[in-house]
């Protein structure tokens, strides 16, 4: 298959026939998948790492409130940023090194993670699964701690319940994707020509789970609901309109106060 054809067909999102499902080749130019997808790969890495560190932050705040209030926030956020940036840089480094290997010119599927090659793809995929799993564990610990801790308001418990539900959605989406890529495709005899369908469509589970966050938070948490309605006033107007849609039938009563 010609590289020029791959470069064109890879830009056609979910074309009807999917005959040319293999995407860009790895080449050192501005049209290779690594350079085009590097920004989005970093975005995905930053997203899962921030979700993880929010869980760590809540865990410290719940289990060690005195220590949490005394934290040096400049140093605290610097450590978080350094760890996240280092993981992003290391992933991009592995991917860029793959470009110069003998396998750097092989065509790949039109999926963001496949823009990474060799060790980079394995490292990034394992990182996502591990971090998401740890995030679910941390949020579960925080929710259980709040549930049995005296003096915790019901509103705060609902906030963490919503975060736990959100994390379960995300983790389930990633695990479905991991199952397909790690077990279903290599060991279940599925033709290579069909791999794009499975990896792309099951990959939507992670996307759907991630985009459902706002709906989960709005449904479960009054605190987040109030914040969303403050940022998006039409939500509050729509809700209040349900109660004020009919004109009032109460007649004014004349005052009996003498002047």
Protein backbone atom coordinates (compact mmCIF):
# COMPACT_ATOMS: atom_id res chain seq x y z
CA UNK A 1 0.00 0.00 0.00
CA UNK A 2 1.45 3.34 -1.02
CA UNK A 3 2.35 5.79 1.72
CA UNK A 4 0.69 8.65 -0.16
CA UNK A 5 -2.61 6.77 -0.19
CA UNK A 6 -2.33 6.09 3.53
CA UNK A 7 -1.73 9.75 4.29
CA UNK A 8 -4.94 10.70 2.47
CA UNK A 9 -7.26 7.95 3.69
CA UNK A 10 -6.18 8.40 7.29
CA UNK A 11 -7.68 11.89 7.22
CA UNK A 12 -11.11 10.50 6.30
CA UNK A 13 -12.88 9.83 9.60
CA UNK A 14 -14.62 6.44 9.55
CA UNK A 15 -14.92 6.28 5.78
CA UNK A 16 -17.72 4.08 4.48
CA UNK A 17 -15.78 1.09 3.26
CA UNK A 18 -12.85 1.16 5.70
CA UNK A 19 -10.79 -0.60 3.04
CA UNK A 20 -7.70 1.50 3.73
CA UNK A 21 -7.97 1.34 7.49
CA UNK A 22 -4.22 1.61 8.00
CA UNK A 23 -3.29 5.22 8.61
CA UNK A 24 -0.21 7.37 8.45
CA UNK A 25 3.29 5.94 8.10
CA UNK A 26 5.89 7.02 10.64
CA UNK A 27 8.03 9.52 8.80
CA UNK A 28 10.03 12.50 9.91
CA UNK A 29 7.87 15.25 8.45
CA UNK A 30 5.01 17.46 9.57
CA UNK A 31 2.34 15.08 8.28
CA UNK A 32 3.32 12.02 10.31
CA UNK A 33 0.96 10.85 13.08
CA UNK A 34 3.41 11.53 15.87
CA UNK A 35 3.68 15.24 15.12
CA UNK A 36 -0.06 15.59 14.50
CA UNK A 37 -1.19 13.64 17.55
CA UNK A 38 1.52 14.63 20.06
CA UNK A 39 -0.61 17.46 21.45
CA UNK A 40 -3.63 15.19 21.92
CA UNK A 41 -1.52 12.45 23.46
CA UNK A 42 -0.22 14.95 26.00
CA UNK A 43 -3.79 16.08 26.66
CA UNK A 44 -4.87 12.52 27.43
CA UNK A 45 -1.89 11.97 29.72
CA UNK A 46 -2.46 15.25 31.57
CA UNK A 47 -6.16 14.45 31.97
CA UNK A 48 -5.67 11.07 33.64
CA UNK A 49 -2.83 12.38 35.81
CA UNK A 50 -4.88 15.36 37.02
CA UNK A 51 -7.79 13.05 37.88
CA UNK A 52 -5.36 10.92 39.87
CA UNK A 53 -3.83 13.88 41.71
CA UNK A 54 -7.25 15.31 42.55
CA UNK A 55 -7.92 11.99 44.27
CA UNK A 56 -4.62 12.25 46.15
CA UNK A 57 -5.49 15.81 47.13
CA UNK A 58 -8.90 14.75 48.50
CA UNK A 59 -7.36 11.80 50.33
CA UNK A 60 -4.85 14.04 52.12
CA UNK A 61 -7.55 16.58 52.91
CA UNK A 62 -9.85 13.94 54.41
CA UNK A 63 -7.31 11.82 56.28
CA UNK A 64 -4.90 14.58 57.38
CA UNK A 65 -6.81 17.87 57.42
CA UNK A 66 -4.28 19.66 59.67
CA UNK A 67 -1.35 18.66 57.47
CA UNK A 68 -3.33 19.63 54.36
CA UNK A 69 -3.92 23.18 55.64
CA UNK A 70 -0.20 23.58 56.32
CA UNK A 71 0.98 22.47 52.89
CA UNK A 72 3.28 24.66 50.86
CA UNK A 73 1.01 24.99 47.84
CA UNK A 74 3.70 26.33 45.51
CA UNK A 75 5.86 23.27 46.19
CA UNK A 76 2.80 21.00 46.18
CA UNK A 77 1.65 22.06 42.72
CA UNK A 78 5.22 22.12 41.43
CA UNK A 79 5.65 18.44 42.33
CA UNK A 80 2.37 17.57 40.60
CA UNK A 81 3.35 19.54 37.49
CA UNK A 82 6.84 18.05 37.40
CA UNK A 83 5.62 14.45 37.63
CA UNK A 84 2.95 15.01 34.97
CA UNK A 85 5.34 16.85 32.67
CA UNK A 86 8.01 14.17 33.08
CA UNK A 87 5.59 11.41 32.09
CA UNK A 88 4.43 13.39 29.05
CA UNK A 89 8.02 14.10 28.00
CA UNK A 90 9.11 10.49 28.48
CA UNK A 91 6.20 9.19 26.40
CA UNK A 92 6.98 11.62 23.58
CA UNK A 93 10.67 10.73 23.81
CA UNK A 94 9.94 7.01 23.36
CA UNK A 95 7.62 7.77 20.45
CA UNK A 96 10.13 10.04 18.74
CA UNK A 97 12.89 7.42 19.11
CA UNK A 98 10.62 4.90 17.40
CA UNK A 99 10.48 7.15 14.32
CA UNK A 100 14.19 6.45 13.71
CA UNK A 101 13.98 2.66 14.06
CA UNK A 102 13.64 0.33 11.05
CA UNK A 103 9.94 0.05 11.93
CA UNK A 104 9.38 3.81 11.87
CA UNK A 105 7.94 3.75 8.36
CA UNK A 106 5.27 1.14 8.96
CA UNK A 107 1.66 2.26 8.40
CA UNK A 108 -0.58 2.34 11.47
CA UNK A 109 -4.28 2.46 12.26
CA UNK A 110 -6.02 5.84 12.44
CA UNK A 111 -6.25 5.85 16.24
CA UNK A 112 -4.43 8.37 18.43
CA UNK A 113 -2.67 5.78 20.59
CA UNK A 114 -1.35 4.04 17.46
CA UNK A 115 0.52 7.21 16.55
CA UNK A 116 2.86 6.02 19.28
CA UNK A 117 5.09 3.14 18.34
CA UNK A 118 7.03 0.39 20.05
CA UNK A 119 7.81 1.00 23.72
CA UNK A 120 5.94 4.32 23.73
CA UNK A 121 2.59 2.69 22.98
CA UNK A 122 3.11 -0.02 25.61
CA UNK A 123 4.26 2.49 28.24
CA UNK A 124 1.39 4.91 27.61
CA UNK A 125 -1.27 2.22 27.57
CA UNK A 126 0.01 0.62 30.79
CA UNK A 127 0.24 4.07 32.39
CA UNK A 128 -3.39 4.85 31.59
CA UNK A 129 -4.71 1.55 32.94
CA UNK A 130 -2.56 1.70 36.10
CA UNK A 131 -3.33 5.34 36.92
CA UNK A 132 -7.07 4.94 36.29
CA UNK A 133 -7.15 1.84 38.50
CA UNK A 134 -5.30 3.65 41.30
CA UNK A 135 -7.64 6.62 40.93
CA UNK A 136 -10.69 4.40 41.43
CA UNK A 137 -9.08 2.85 44.52
CA UNK A 138 -8.22 6.28 45.97
CA UNK A 139 -11.67 7.74 45.35
CA UNK A 140 -13.23 4.63 46.90
CA UNK A 141 -11.09 5.03 50.03
CA UNK A 142 -12.04 8.71 50.28
CA UNK A 143 -15.75 7.97 49.88
CA UNK A 144 -15.67 5.19 52.50
CA UNK A 145 -13.75 7.46 54.89
CA UNK A 146 -16.32 10.23 54.47
CA UNK A 147 -19.22 7.82 54.79
CA UNK A 148 -18.13 6.64 58.24
CA UNK A 149 -16.52 9.85 59.45
CA UNK A 150 -18.61 11.83 61.92
CA UNK A 151 -19.23 15.48 61.20
CA UNK A 152 -19.12 15.12 57.42
CA UNK A 153 -22.01 16.88 55.70
CA UNK A 154 -24.35 15.00 53.38
CA UNK A 155 -23.52 17.45 50.61
CA UNK A 156 -19.80 16.59 50.82
CA UNK A 157 -20.59 12.88 50.79
CA UNK A 158 -22.64 13.34 47.63
CA UNK A 159 -19.79 15.24 46.00
CA UNK A 160 -17.42 12.33 46.50
CA UNK A 161 -20.08 9.81 45.54
CA UNK A 162 -20.44 11.60 42.21
CA UNK A 163 -16.65 11.56 41.74
CA UNK A 164 -16.55 7.85 42.49
CA UNK A 165 -19.30 7.12 39.96
CA UNK A 166 -17.44 9.23 37.41
CA UNK A 167 -14.21 7.33 38.00
CA UNK A 168 -15.98 3.97 37.64
CA UNK A 169 -17.36 5.11 34.27
CA UNK A 170 -13.89 6.13 33.09
CA UNK A 171 -12.22 2.98 34.39
CA UNK A 172 -14.84 0.74 32.79
CA UNK A 173 -14.31 2.51 29.45
CA UNK A 174 -10.54 2.04 29.61
CA UNK A 175 -10.84 -1.59 30.71
CA UNK A 176 -13.11 -2.38 27.76
CA UNK A 177 -10.55 -0.82 25.45
CA UNK A 178 -7.71 -2.70 27.19
CA UNK A 179 -9.55 -6.02 26.94
CA UNK A 180 -10.09 -5.58 23.21
CA UNK A 181 -6.50 -4.55 22.46
CA UNK A 182 -4.73 -6.95 24.82
CA UNK A 183 -6.86 -10.10 24.59
CA UNK A 184 -9.64 -9.99 22.01
CA UNK A 185 -7.64 -8.86 18.98
CA UNK A 186 -4.41 -10.89 19.39
CA UNK A 187 -5.87 -14.13 20.79
CA UNK A 188 -9.41 -14.52 19.44
CA UNK A 189 -8.63 -15.05 15.76
CA UNK A 190 -10.11 -11.78 14.52
CA UNK A 191 -8.82 -10.92 11.02
CA UNK A 192 -6.35 -8.05 10.96
CA UNK A 193 -8.57 -6.31 8.43
CA UNK A 194 -11.23 -6.02 11.13
CA UNK A 195 -8.99 -4.70 13.91
CA UNK A 196 -9.81 -1.09 13.10
CA UNK A 197 -13.52 -1.67 13.76
CA UNK A 198 -12.94 -3.25 17.17
CA UNK A 199 -10.24 -0.90 18.43
CA UNK A 200 -12.00 2.23 17.22
CA UNK A 201 -15.54 1.40 18.30
CA UNK A 202 -14.59 -0.05 21.69
CA UNK A 203 -12.32 2.95 22.16
CA UNK A 204 -15.48 5.05 22.13
CA UNK A 205 -16.30 3.57 25.56
CA UNK A 206 -13.48 5.65 27.07
CA UNK A 207 -14.61 8.76 25.20
CA UNK A 208 -18.23 8.35 26.28
CA UNK A 209 -17.20 7.75 29.89
CA UNK A 210 -14.99 10.84 29.89
CA UNK A 211 -17.62 13.12 28.33
CA UNK A 212 -20.29 11.94 30.77
CA UNK A 213 -18.55 13.62 33.72
CA UNK A 214 -20.60 16.81 33.60
CA UNK A 215 -23.88 14.86 33.61
CA UNK A 216 -22.79 12.67 36.52
CA UNK A 217 -21.67 15.64 38.62
CA UNK A 218 -24.82 17.62 37.79
CA UNK A 219 -27.05 14.68 38.73
CA UNK A 220 -25.39 13.52 41.96
CA UNK A 221 -24.00 16.68 43.56
CA UNK A 222 -25.99 19.75 44.58
CA UNK A 223 -22.71 21.67 45.01
CA UNK A 224 -21.57 20.97 41.45
CA UNK A 225 -25.11 21.59 40.18
CA UNK A 226 -25.10 25.04 41.76
CA UNK A 227 -21.68 25.75 40.20
CA UNK A 228 -22.85 24.68 36.73
CA UNK A 229 -25.97 26.83 37.05
CA UNK A 230 -23.81 29.78 38.04
CA UNK A 231 -21.54 29.29 35.02
CA UNK A 232 -24.47 28.46 32.71
CA UNK A 233 -27.38 30.66 33.91
CA UNK A 234 -29.81 29.23 31.36
CA UNK A 235 -29.83 25.96 33.34
CA UNK A 236 -31.12 27.74 36.43
CA UNK A 237 -33.71 29.67 34.38
CA UNK A 238 -34.90 26.47 32.76
CA UNK A 239 -35.28 24.79 36.14
CA UNK A 240 -37.05 27.74 37.73
CA UNK A 241 -39.29 28.02 34.69
CA UNK A 242 -40.88 24.71 35.59
CA UNK A 243 -42.31 26.33 38.71
CA UNK A 244 -43.11 29.77 37.29
CA UNK A 245 -44.64 28.78 33.97
CA UNK A 246 -48.18 29.64 35.11
CA UNK A 247 -49.23 33.12 36.24
CA UNK A 248 -50.06 33.52 39.89
CA UNK A 249 -53.77 33.32 40.82
CA UNK A 250 -53.36 35.06 44.18
CA UNK A 251 -55.28 38.36 44.31
CA UNK A 252 -53.82 41.34 46.13
CA UNK A 253 -55.41 41.96 49.55
CA UNK A 254 -56.15 45.60 50.44
CA UNK A 255 -54.20 46.88 53.40
CA UNK A 256 -56.17 47.52 56.56
CA UNK A 257 -53.59 49.86 57.94
CA UNK A 258 -54.96 53.34 58.42
CA UNK A 259 -52.89 56.28 57.27
